[in-house]
Amino acid sequence: MNKKVKVHIFISGIVQGVFFRYETREKAQELGVTGWVKNLPDGRVEAVFEGERVKVDEVLKWAKKGPSGAIVDHLDAVWEGHQGEFQDFEVRV
């Protein structure tokens, strides 16, 4: 069994208006990763992922590129202790 992890990320670049949040949700749900994603007023996207380390790593790898139309300049990741606080993955407003 893989170790469960939690990571809080901030993504900058051209990441709003390109379906970043919705495609992030689809990728996370496909992999069984829980958490949330939302746009920030400063143009960045913020997200939290929880799940098995290998699956969270796969979502992170995807997020470094994002959907077509996105240009990711930078991704900051802060690893936190897994809490199992989410039941699914949601887009927050």
PDB file of N, CA and C in Angstrom:
ATOM      1  N   MET A   1       0.839  -1.194   0.000  1.00  0.00           N
ATOM      2  CA  MET A   1       0.000   0.000   0.000  1.00  0.00           C
ATOM      3  C   MET A   1       0.877   1.248   0.000  1.00  0.00           C
ATOM      4  N   ASN A   2       0.506   2.213  -0.815  1.00  0.00           N
ATOM      5  CA  ASN A   2       1.250   3.460  -0.891  1.00  0.00           C
ATOM      6  C   ASN A   2       0.943   4.358   0.290  1.00  0.00           C
ATOM      7  N   LYS A   3       1.938   5.123   0.692  1.00  0.00           N
ATOM      8  CA  LYS A   3       1.780   6.102   1.753  1.00  0.00           C
ATOM      9  C   LYS A   3       0.811   7.189   1.293  1.00  0.00           C
ATOM     10  N   LYS A   4      -0.060   7.638   2.188  1.00  0.00           N
ATOM     11  CA  LYS A   4      -1.000   8.715   1.875  1.00  0.00           C
ATOM     12  C   LYS A   4      -0.338  10.052   2.196  1.00  0.00           C
ATOM     13  N   VAL A   5      -0.560  11.026   1.315  1.00  0.00           N
ATOM     14  CA  VAL A   5       0.056  12.336   1.448  1.00  0.00           C
ATOM     15  C   VAL A   5      -0.959  13.438   1.158  1.00  0.00           C
ATOM     16  N   LYS A   6      -0.554  14.660   1.497  1.00  0.00           N
ATOM     17  CA  LYS A   6      -1.343  15.854   1.185  1.00  0.00           C
ATOM     18  C   LYS A   6      -0.388  16.929   0.702  1.00  0.00           C
ATOM     19  N   VAL A   7      -0.767  17.613  -0.379  1.00  0.00           N
ATOM     20  CA  VAL A   7       0.063  18.712  -0.887  1.00  0.00           C
ATOM     21  C   VAL A   7      -0.845  19.886  -1.246  1.00  0.00           C
ATOM     22  N   HIS A   8      -0.371  21.074  -0.911  1.00  0.00           N
ATOM     23  CA  HIS A   8      -1.089  22.328  -1.169  1.00  0.00           C
ATOM     24  C   HIS A   8      -0.262  23.065  -2.218  1.00  0.00           C
ATOM     25  N   ILE A   9      -0.877  23.389  -3.366  1.00  0.00           N
ATOM     26  CA  ILE A   9      -0.108  23.991  -4.453  1.00  0.00           C
ATOM     27  C   ILE A   9      -0.691  25.326  -4.902  1.00  0.00           C
ATOM     28  N   PHE A  10       0.189  26.142  -5.479  1.00  0.00           N
ATOM     29  CA  PHE A  10      -0.165  27.413  -6.104  1.00  0.00           C
ATOM     30  C   PHE A  10       0.491  27.419  -7.478  1.00  0.00           C
ATOM     31  N   ILE A  11      -0.317  27.646  -8.514  1.00  0.00           N
ATOM     32  CA  ILE A  11       0.169  27.590  -9.886  1.00  0.00           C
ATOM     33  C   ILE A  11       0.023  28.974 -10.507  1.00  0.00           C
ATOM     34  N   SER A  12       1.112  29.470 -11.110  1.00  0.00           N
ATOM     35  CA  SER A  12       1.052  30.776 -11.761  1.00  0.00           C
ATOM     36  C   SER A  12       1.364  30.645 -13.241  1.00  0.00           C
ATOM     37  N   GLY A  13       0.936  31.640 -13.994  1.00  0.00           N
ATOM     38  CA  GLY A  13       1.102  31.653 -15.445  1.00  0.00           C
ATOM     39  C   GLY A  13      -0.248  31.961 -16.078  1.00  0.00           C
ATOM     40  N   ILE A  14      -0.477  31.455 -17.264  1.00  0.00           N
ATOM     41  CA  ILE A  14      -1.785  31.582 -17.904  1.00  0.00           C
ATOM     42  C   ILE A  14      -2.568  30.338 -17.503  1.00  0.00           C
ATOM     43  N   VAL A  15      -3.257  30.465 -16.357  1.00  0.00           N
ATOM     44  CA  VAL A  15      -3.920  29.293 -15.766  1.00  0.00           C
ATOM     45  C   VAL A  15      -5.399  29.542 -15.458  1.00  0.00           C
ATOM     46  N   GLN A  16      -5.891  30.729 -15.772  1.00  0.00           N
ATOM     47  CA  GLN A  16      -7.317  31.000 -15.618  1.00  0.00           C
ATOM     48  C   GLN A  16      -7.912  31.238 -17.001  1.00  0.00           C
ATOM     49  N   GLY A  17      -9.150  30.796 -17.180  1.00  0.00           N
ATOM     50  CA  GLY A  17      -9.819  30.952 -18.464  1.00  0.00           C
ATOM     51  C   GLY A  17      -9.420  29.900 -19.482  1.00  0.00           C
ATOM     52  N   VAL A  18      -8.760  28.833 -19.005  1.00  0.00           N
ATOM     53  CA  VAL A  18      -8.300  27.751 -19.903  1.00  0.00           C
ATOM     54  C   VAL A  18      -8.782  26.383 -19.410  1.00  0.00           C
ATOM     55  N   PHE A  19      -9.834  26.380 -18.579  1.00  0.00           N
ATOM     56  CA  PHE A  19     -10.432  25.154 -18.022  1.00  0.00           C
ATOM     57  C   PHE A  19      -9.490  24.390 -17.095  1.00  0.00           C
ATOM     58  N   PHE A  20      -8.555  25.110 -16.469  1.00  0.00           N
ATOM     59  CA  PHE A  20      -7.583  24.468 -15.571  1.00  0.00           C
ATOM     60  C   PHE A  20      -8.280  23.773 -14.405  1.00  0.00           C
ATOM     61  N   ARG A  21      -9.228  24.445 -13.764  1.00  0.00           N
ATOM     62  CA  ARG A  21      -9.889  23.860 -12.592  1.00  0.00           C
ATOM     63  C   ARG A  21     -10.670  22.607 -12.959  1.00  0.00           C
ATOM     64  N   TYR A  22     -11.416  22.671 -14.028  1.00  0.00           N
ATOM     65  CA  TYR A  22     -12.273  21.536 -14.389  1.00  0.00           C
ATOM     66  C   TYR A  22     -11.456  20.335 -14.862  1.00  0.00           C
ATOM     67  N   GLU A  23     -10.385  20.594 -15.592  1.00  0.00           N
ATOM     68  CA  GLU A  23      -9.554  19.475 -16.031  1.00  0.00           C
ATOM     69  C   GLU A  23      -8.732  18.913 -14.875  1.00  0.00           C
ATOM     70  N   THR A  24      -8.390  19.763 -13.903  1.00  0.00           N
ATOM     71  CA  THR A  24      -7.721  19.270 -12.693  1.00  0.00           C
ATOM     72  C   THR A  24      -8.651  18.325 -11.943  1.00  0.00           C
ATOM     73  N   ARG A  25      -9.921  18.727 -11.825  1.00  0.00           N
ATOM     74  CA  ARG A  25     -10.898  17.859 -11.148  1.00  0.00           C
ATOM     75  C   ARG A  25     -11.023  16.517 -11.876  1.00  0.00           C
ATOM     76  N   GLU A  26     -11.109  16.550 -13.189  1.00  0.00           N
ATOM     77  CA  GLU A  26     -11.229  15.300 -13.946  1.00  0.00           C
ATOM     78  C   GLU A  26     -10.024  14.399 -13.738  1.00  0.00           C
ATOM     79  N   LYS A  27      -8.817  14.977 -13.771  1.00  0.00           N
ATOM     80  CA  LYS A  27      -7.595  14.185 -13.581  1.00  0.00           C
ATOM     81  C   LYS A  27      -7.567  13.596 -12.168  1.00  0.00           C
ATOM     82  N   ALA A  28      -7.893  14.405 -11.162  1.00  0.00           N
ATOM     83  CA  ALA A  28      -7.890  13.931  -9.778  1.00  0.00           C
ATOM     84  C   ALA A  28      -8.915  12.814  -9.585  1.00  0.00           C
ATOM     85  N   GLN A  29     -10.117  12.998 -10.124  1.00  0.00           N
ATOM     86  CA  GLN A  29     -11.152  11.972  -9.975  1.00  0.00           C
ATOM     87  C   GLN A  29     -10.751  10.688 -10.691  1.00  0.00           C
ATOM     88  N   GLU A  30     -10.137  10.823 -11.847  1.00  0.00           N
ATOM     89  CA  GLU A  30      -9.661   9.656 -12.600  1.00  0.00           C
ATOM     90  C   GLU A  30      -8.671   8.834 -11.771  1.00  0.00           C
ATOM     91  N   LEU A  31      -7.845   9.527 -10.986  1.00  0.00           N
ATOM     92  CA  LEU A  31      -6.806   8.858 -10.192  1.00  0.00           C
ATOM     93  C   LEU A  31      -7.245   8.515  -8.769  1.00  0.00           C
ATOM     94  N   GLY A  32      -8.428   8.970  -8.363  1.00  0.00           N
ATOM     95  CA  GLY A  32      -8.889   8.706  -7.002  1.00  0.00           C
ATOM     96  C   GLY A  32      -8.256   9.612  -5.968  1.00  0.00           C
ATOM     97  N   VAL A  33      -7.848  10.810  -6.392  1.00  0.00           N
ATOM     98  CA  VAL A  33      -7.261  11.808  -5.490  1.00  0.00           C
ATOM     99  C   VAL A  33      -8.372  12.743  -5.034  1.00  0.00           C
ATOM    100  N   THR A  34      -8.378  13.094  -3.745  1.00  0.00           N
ATOM    101  CA  THR A  34      -9.398  13.997  -3.202  1.00  0.00           C
ATOM    102  C   THR A  34      -8.798  15.375  -2.947  1.00  0.00           C
ATOM    103  N   GLY A  35      -9.685  16.359  -2.702  1.00  0.00           N
ATOM    104  CA  GLY A  35      -9.233  17.713  -2.412  1.00  0.00           C
ATOM    105  C   GLY A  35     -10.075  18.747  -3.126  1.00  0.00           C
ATOM    106  N   TRP A  36      -9.440  19.845  -3.533  1.00  0.00           N
ATOM    107  CA  TRP A  36     -10.166  20.929  -4.186  1.00  0.00           C
ATOM    108  C   TRP A  36      -9.217  21.779  -5.025  1.00  0.00           C
ATOM    109  N   VAL A  37      -9.827  22.612  -5.892  1.00  0.00           N
ATOM    110  CA  VAL A  37      -9.082  23.551  -6.736  1.00  0.00           C
ATOM    111  C   VAL A  37      -9.907  24.813  -6.882  1.00  0.00           C
ATOM    112  N   LYS A  38      -9.236  25.985  -6.918  1.00  0.00           N
ATOM    113  CA  LYS A  38      -9.961  27.245  -7.114  1.00  0.00           C
ATOM    114  C   LYS A  38      -9.055  28.290  -7.749  1.00  0.00           C
ATOM    115  N   ASN A  39      -9.701  29.276  -8.392  1.00  0.00           N
ATOM    116  CA  ASN A  39      -8.981  30.431  -8.923  1.00  0.00           C
ATOM    117  C   ASN A  39      -8.753  31.433  -7.803  1.00  0.00           C
ATOM    118  N   LEU A  40      -7.630  32.135  -7.862  1.00  0.00           N
ATOM    119  CA  LEU A  40      -7.340  33.201  -6.910  1.00  0.00           C
ATOM    120  C   LEU A  40      -7.480  34.553  -7.612  1.00  0.00           C
ATOM    121  N   PRO A  41      -7.794  35.614  -6.859  1.00  0.00           N
ATOM    122  CA  PRO A  41      -7.959  36.938  -7.460  1.00  0.00           C
ATOM    123  C   PRO A  41      -6.702  37.456  -8.177  1.00  0.00           C
ATOM    124  N   ASP A  42      -5.521  36.965  -7.786  1.00  0.00           N
ATOM    125  CA  ASP A  42      -4.272  37.441  -8.404  1.00  0.00           C
ATOM    126  C   ASP A  42      -3.914  36.698  -9.691  1.00  0.00           C
ATOM    127  N   GLY A  43      -4.807  35.834 -10.180  1.00  0.00           N
ATOM    128  CA  GLY A  43      -4.566  35.134 -11.441  1.00  0.00           C
ATOM    129  C   GLY A  43      -3.987  33.741 -11.297  1.00  0.00           C
ATOM    130  N   ARG A  44      -3.627  33.356 -10.078  1.00  0.00           N
ATOM    131  CA  ARG A  44      -3.100  32.004  -9.850  1.00  0.00           C
ATOM    132  C   ARG A  44      -4.232  31.019  -9.621  1.00  0.00           C
ATOM    133  N   VAL A  45      -3.885  29.735  -9.632  1.00  0.00           N
ATOM    134  CA  VAL A  45      -4.796  28.658  -9.254  1.00  0.00           C
ATOM    135  C   VAL A  45      -4.219  28.011  -8.002  1.00  0.00           C
ATOM    136  N   GLU A  46      -5.081  27.728  -7.035  1.00  0.00           N
ATOM    137  CA  GLU A  46      -4.694  27.072  -5.784  1.00  0.00           C
ATOM    138  C   GLU A  46      -5.399  25.727  -5.717  1.00  0.00           C
ATOM    139  N   ALA A  47      -4.697  24.711  -5.216  1.00  0.00           N
ATOM    140  CA  ALA A  47      -5.311  23.388  -5.094  1.00  0.00           C
ATOM    141  C   ALA A  47      -4.714  22.624  -3.926  1.00  0.00           C
ATOM    142  N   VAL A  48      -5.492  21.684  -3.418  1.00  0.00           N
ATOM    143  CA  VAL A  48      -5.028  20.745  -2.395  1.00  0.00           C
ATOM    144  C   VAL A  48      -5.355  19.352  -2.901  1.00  0.00           C
ATOM    145  N   PHE A  49      -4.358  18.469  -2.853  1.00  0.00           N
ATOM    146  CA  PHE A  49      -4.532  17.079  -3.265  1.00  0.00           C
ATOM    147  C   PHE A  49      -4.217  16.169  -2.093  1.00  0.00           C
ATOM    148  N   GLU A  50      -5.055  15.150  -1.874  1.00  0.00           N
ATOM    149  CA  GLU A  50      -4.788  14.118  -0.875  1.00  0.00           C
ATOM    150  C   GLU A  50      -4.990  12.752  -1.509  1.00  0.00           C
ATOM    151  N   GLY A  51      -4.132  11.828  -1.136  1.00  0.00           N
ATOM    152  CA  GLY A  51      -4.276  10.469  -1.628  1.00  0.00           C
ATOM    153  C   GLY A  51      -2.966   9.718  -1.564  1.00  0.00           C
ATOM    154  N   GLU A  52      -2.918   8.593  -2.269  1.00  0.00           N
ATOM    155  CA  GLU A  52      -1.693   7.799  -2.312  1.00  0.00           C
ATOM    156  C   GLU A  52      -0.597   8.592  -3.007  1.00  0.00           C
ATOM    157  N   ARG A  53       0.615   8.500  -2.467  1.00  0.00           N
ATOM    158  CA  ARG A  53       1.732   9.318  -2.960  1.00  0.00           C
ATOM    159  C   ARG A  53       1.910   9.203  -4.476  1.00  0.00           C
ATOM    160  N   VAL A  54       1.864   7.998  -5.019  1.00  0.00           N
ATOM    161  CA  VAL A  54       2.088   7.817  -6.453  1.00  0.00           C
ATOM    162  C   VAL A  54       1.012   8.524  -7.278  1.00  0.00           C
ATOM    163  N   LYS A  55      -0.225   8.523  -6.791  1.00  0.00           N
ATOM    164  CA  LYS A  55      -1.313   9.173  -7.516  1.00  0.00           C
ATOM    165  C   LYS A  55      -1.256  10.689  -7.389  1.00  0.00           C
ATOM    166  N   VAL A  56      -0.906  11.184  -6.204  1.00  0.00           N
ATOM    167  CA  VAL A  56      -0.735  12.625  -6.015  1.00  0.00           C
ATOM    168  C   VAL A  56       0.418  13.122  -6.882  1.00  0.00           C
ATOM    169  N   ASP A  57       1.502  12.363  -6.943  1.00  0.00           N
ATOM    170  CA  ASP A  57       2.631  12.740  -7.807  1.00  0.00           C
ATOM    171  C   ASP A  57       2.204  12.838  -9.268  1.00  0.00           C
ATOM    172  N   GLU A  58       1.315  11.944  -9.696  1.00  0.00           N
ATOM    173  CA  GLU A  58       0.844  11.967 -11.083  1.00  0.00           C
ATOM    174  C   GLU A  58      -0.003  13.210 -11.365  1.00  0.00           C
ATOM    175  N   VAL A  59      -0.854  13.597 -10.409  1.00  0.00           N
ATOM    176  CA  VAL A  59      -1.641  14.824 -10.582  1.00  0.00           C
ATOM    177  C   VAL A  59      -0.708  16.037 -10.605  1.00  0.00           C
ATOM    178  N   LEU A  60       0.292  16.047  -9.752  1.00  0.00           N
ATOM    179  CA  LEU A  60       1.256  17.157  -9.734  1.00  0.00           C
ATOM    180  C   LEU A  60       1.996  17.263 -11.065  1.00  0.00           C
ATOM    181  N   LYS A  61       2.407  16.133 -11.594  1.00  0.00           N
ATOM    182  CA  LYS A  61       3.097  16.120 -12.888  1.00  0.00           C
ATOM    183  C   LYS A  61       2.193  16.726 -13.961  1.00  0.00           C
ATOM    184  N   TRP A  62       0.919  16.351 -13.947  1.00  0.00           N
ATOM    185  CA  TRP A  62      -0.032  16.911 -14.903  1.00  0.00           C
ATOM    186  C   TRP A  62      -0.183  18.420 -14.690  1.00  0.00           C
ATOM    187  N   ALA A  63      -0.304  18.857 -13.421  1.00  0.00           N
ATOM    188  CA  ALA A  63      -0.532  20.269 -13.101  1.00  0.00           C
ATOM    189  C   ALA A  63       0.625  21.159 -13.532  1.00  0.00           C
ATOM    190  N   LYS A  64       1.824  20.605 -13.639  1.00  0.00           N
ATOM    191  CA  LYS A  64       2.981  21.398 -14.072  1.00  0.00           C
ATOM    192  C   LYS A  64       2.873  21.804 -15.540  1.00  0.00           C
ATOM    193  N   LYS A  65       2.002  21.111 -16.288  1.00  0.00           N
ATOM    194  CA  LYS A  65       1.750  21.465 -17.685  1.00  0.00           C
ATOM    195  C   LYS A  65       0.346  22.031 -17.852  1.00  0.00           C
ATOM    196  N   GLY A  66      -0.628  21.424 -17.184  1.00  0.00           N
ATOM    197  CA  GLY A  66      -2.007  21.868 -17.269  1.00  0.00           C
ATOM    198  C   GLY A  66      -2.653  21.474 -18.580  1.00  0.00           C
ATOM    199  N   PRO A  67      -3.879  21.949 -18.792  1.00  0.00           N
ATOM    200  CA  PRO A  67      -4.602  21.628 -20.023  1.00  0.00           C
ATOM    201  C   PRO A  67      -4.021  22.399 -21.206  1.00  0.00           C
ATOM    202  N   SER A  68      -4.426  22.003 -22.412  1.00  0.00           N
ATOM    203  CA  SER A  68      -3.983  22.763 -23.579  1.00  0.00           C
ATOM    204  C   SER A  68      -4.531  24.178 -23.440  1.00  0.00           C
ATOM    205  N   GLY A  69      -3.748  25.147 -23.797  1.00  0.00           N
ATOM    206  CA  GLY A  69      -4.134  26.542 -23.624  1.00  0.00           C
ATOM    207  C   GLY A  69      -3.519  27.164 -22.387  1.00  0.00           C
ATOM    208  N   ALA A  70      -3.112  26.357 -21.441  1.00  0.00           N
ATOM    209  CA  ALA A  70      -2.466  26.870 -20.229  1.00  0.00           C
ATOM    210  C   ALA A  70      -0.959  27.001 -20.466  1.00  0.00           C
ATOM    211  N   ILE A  71      -0.376  27.990 -19.818  1.00  0.00           N
ATOM    212  CA  ILE A  71       1.081  28.126 -19.783  1.00  0.00           C
ATOM    213  C   ILE A  71       1.460  28.256 -18.311  1.00  0.00           C
ATOM    214  N   VAL A  72       2.020  27.194 -17.751  1.00  0.00           N
ATOM    215  CA  VAL A  72       2.399  27.188 -16.341  1.00  0.00           C
ATOM    216  C   VAL A  72       3.814  27.744 -16.215  1.00  0.00           C
ATOM    217  N   ASP A  73       3.913  28.880 -15.524  1.00  0.00           N
ATOM    218  CA  ASP A  73       5.220  29.490 -15.282  1.00  0.00           C
ATOM    219  C   ASP A  73       5.885  28.920 -14.043  1.00  0.00           C
ATOM    220  N   HIS A  74       5.071  28.643 -13.023  1.00  0.00           N
ATOM    221  CA  HIS A  74       5.645  28.198 -11.752  1.00  0.00           C
ATOM    222  C   HIS A  74       4.600  27.430 -10.948  1.00  0.00           C
ATOM    223  N   LEU A  75       5.058  26.414 -10.239  1.00  0.00           N
ATOM    224  CA  LEU A  75       4.199  25.658  -9.333  1.00  0.00           C
ATOM    225  C   LEU A  75       4.917  25.553  -7.993  1.00  0.00           C
ATOM    226  N   ASP A  76       4.313  26.127  -6.957  1.00  0.00           N
ATOM    227  CA  ASP A  76       4.829  26.019  -5.590  1.00  0.00           C
ATOM    228  C   ASP A  76       4.055  24.924  -4.891  1.00  0.00           C
ATOM    229  N   ALA A  77       4.759  24.009  -4.232  1.00  0.00           N
ATOM    230  CA  ALA A  77       4.108  22.908  -3.523  1.00  0.00           C
ATOM    231  C   ALA A  77       4.563  22.885  -2.064  1.00  0.00           C
ATOM    232  N   VAL A  78       3.589  22.792  -1.172  1.00  0.00           N
ATOM    233  CA  VAL A  78       3.865  22.671   0.259  1.00  0.00           C
ATOM    234  C   VAL A  78       3.270  21.341   0.709  1.00  0.00           C
ATOM    235  N   TRP A  79       4.147  20.428   1.149  1.00  0.00           N
ATOM    236  CA  TRP A  79       3.691  19.109   1.608  1.00  0.00           C
ATOM    237  C   TRP A  79       3.229  19.218   3.047  1.00  0.00           C
ATOM    238  N   GLU A  80       2.075  18.643   3.321  1.00  0.00           N
ATOM    239  CA  GLU A  80       1.483  18.678   4.655  1.00  0.00           C
ATOM    240  C   GLU A  80       1.142  17.256   5.077  1.00  0.00           C
ATOM    241  N   GLY A  81       0.822  17.075   6.337  1.00  0.00           N
ATOM    242  CA  GLY A  81       0.439  15.750   6.820  1.00  0.00           C
ATOM    243  C   GLY A  81      -0.930  15.343   6.290  1.00  0.00           C
ATOM    244  N   HIS A  82      -1.047  14.095   5.854  1.00  0.00           N
ATOM    245  CA  HIS A  82      -2.324  13.579   5.347  1.00  0.00           C
ATOM    246  C   HIS A  82      -3.343  13.586   6.473  1.00  0.00           C
ATOM    247  N   GLN A  83      -4.546  14.115   6.172  1.00  0.00           N
ATOM    248  CA  GLN A  83      -5.593  14.182   7.191  1.00  0.00           C
ATOM    249  C   GLN A  83      -6.848  13.412   6.802  1.00  0.00           C
ATOM    250  N   GLY A  84      -6.980  13.041   5.540  1.00  0.00           N
ATOM    251  CA  GLY A  84      -8.170  12.321   5.103  1.00  0.00           C
ATOM    252  C   GLY A  84      -9.440  13.126   5.262  1.00  0.00           C
ATOM    253  N   GLU A  85      -9.336  14.435   5.072  1.00  0.00           N
ATOM    254  CA  GLU A  85     -10.484  15.308   5.337  1.00  0.00           C
ATOM    255  C   GLU A  85     -11.461  15.462   4.166  1.00  0.00           C
ATOM    256  N   PHE A  86     -11.124  14.973   2.979  1.00  0.00           N
ATOM    257  CA  PHE A  86     -11.972  15.161   1.809  1.00  0.00           C
ATOM    258  C   PHE A  86     -12.602  13.847   1.359  1.00  0.00           C
ATOM    259  N   GLN A  87     -13.853  13.932   0.915  1.00  0.00           N
ATOM    260  CA  GLN A  87     -14.554  12.750   0.407  1.00  0.00           C
ATOM    261  C   GLN A  87     -14.405  12.613  -1.099  1.00  0.00           C
ATOM    262  N   ASP A  88     -14.205  13.756  -1.782  1.00  0.00           N
ATOM    263  CA  ASP A  88     -14.090  13.749  -3.237  1.00  0.00           C
ATOM    264  C   ASP A  88     -13.217  14.923  -3.661  1.00  0.00           C
ATOM    265  N   PHE A  89     -13.258  15.264  -4.936  1.00  0.00           N
ATOM    266  CA  PHE A  89     -12.487  16.402  -5.432  1.00  0.00           C
ATOM    267  C   PHE A  89     -13.459  17.414  -6.009  1.00  0.00           C
ATOM    268  N   GLU A  90     -13.352  18.676  -5.566  1.00  0.00           N
ATOM    269  CA  GLU A  90     -14.311  19.684  -5.997  1.00  0.00           C
ATOM    270  C   GLU A  90     -13.640  20.938  -6.533  1.00  0.00           C
ATOM    271  N   VAL A  91     -14.375  21.622  -7.398  1.00  0.00           N
ATOM    272  CA  VAL A  91     -13.983  22.950  -7.867  1.00  0.00           C
ATOM    273  C   VAL A  91     -14.643  23.941  -6.922  1.00  0.00           C
ATOM    274  N   ARG A  92     -13.827  24.781  -6.293  1.00  0.00           N
ATOM    275  CA  ARG A  92     -14.358  25.797  -5.390  1.00  0.00           C
ATOM    276  C   ARG A  92     -14.408  27.153  -6.105  1.00  0.00           C
ATOM    277  N   VAL A  93     -15.357  27.962  -5.684  1.00  0.00           N
ATOM    278  CA  VAL A  93     -15.518  29.276  -6.299  1.00  0.00           C
ATOM    279  C   VAL A  93     -15.037  30.347  -5.324  1.00  0.00           C
TER     280      VAL A  93
END
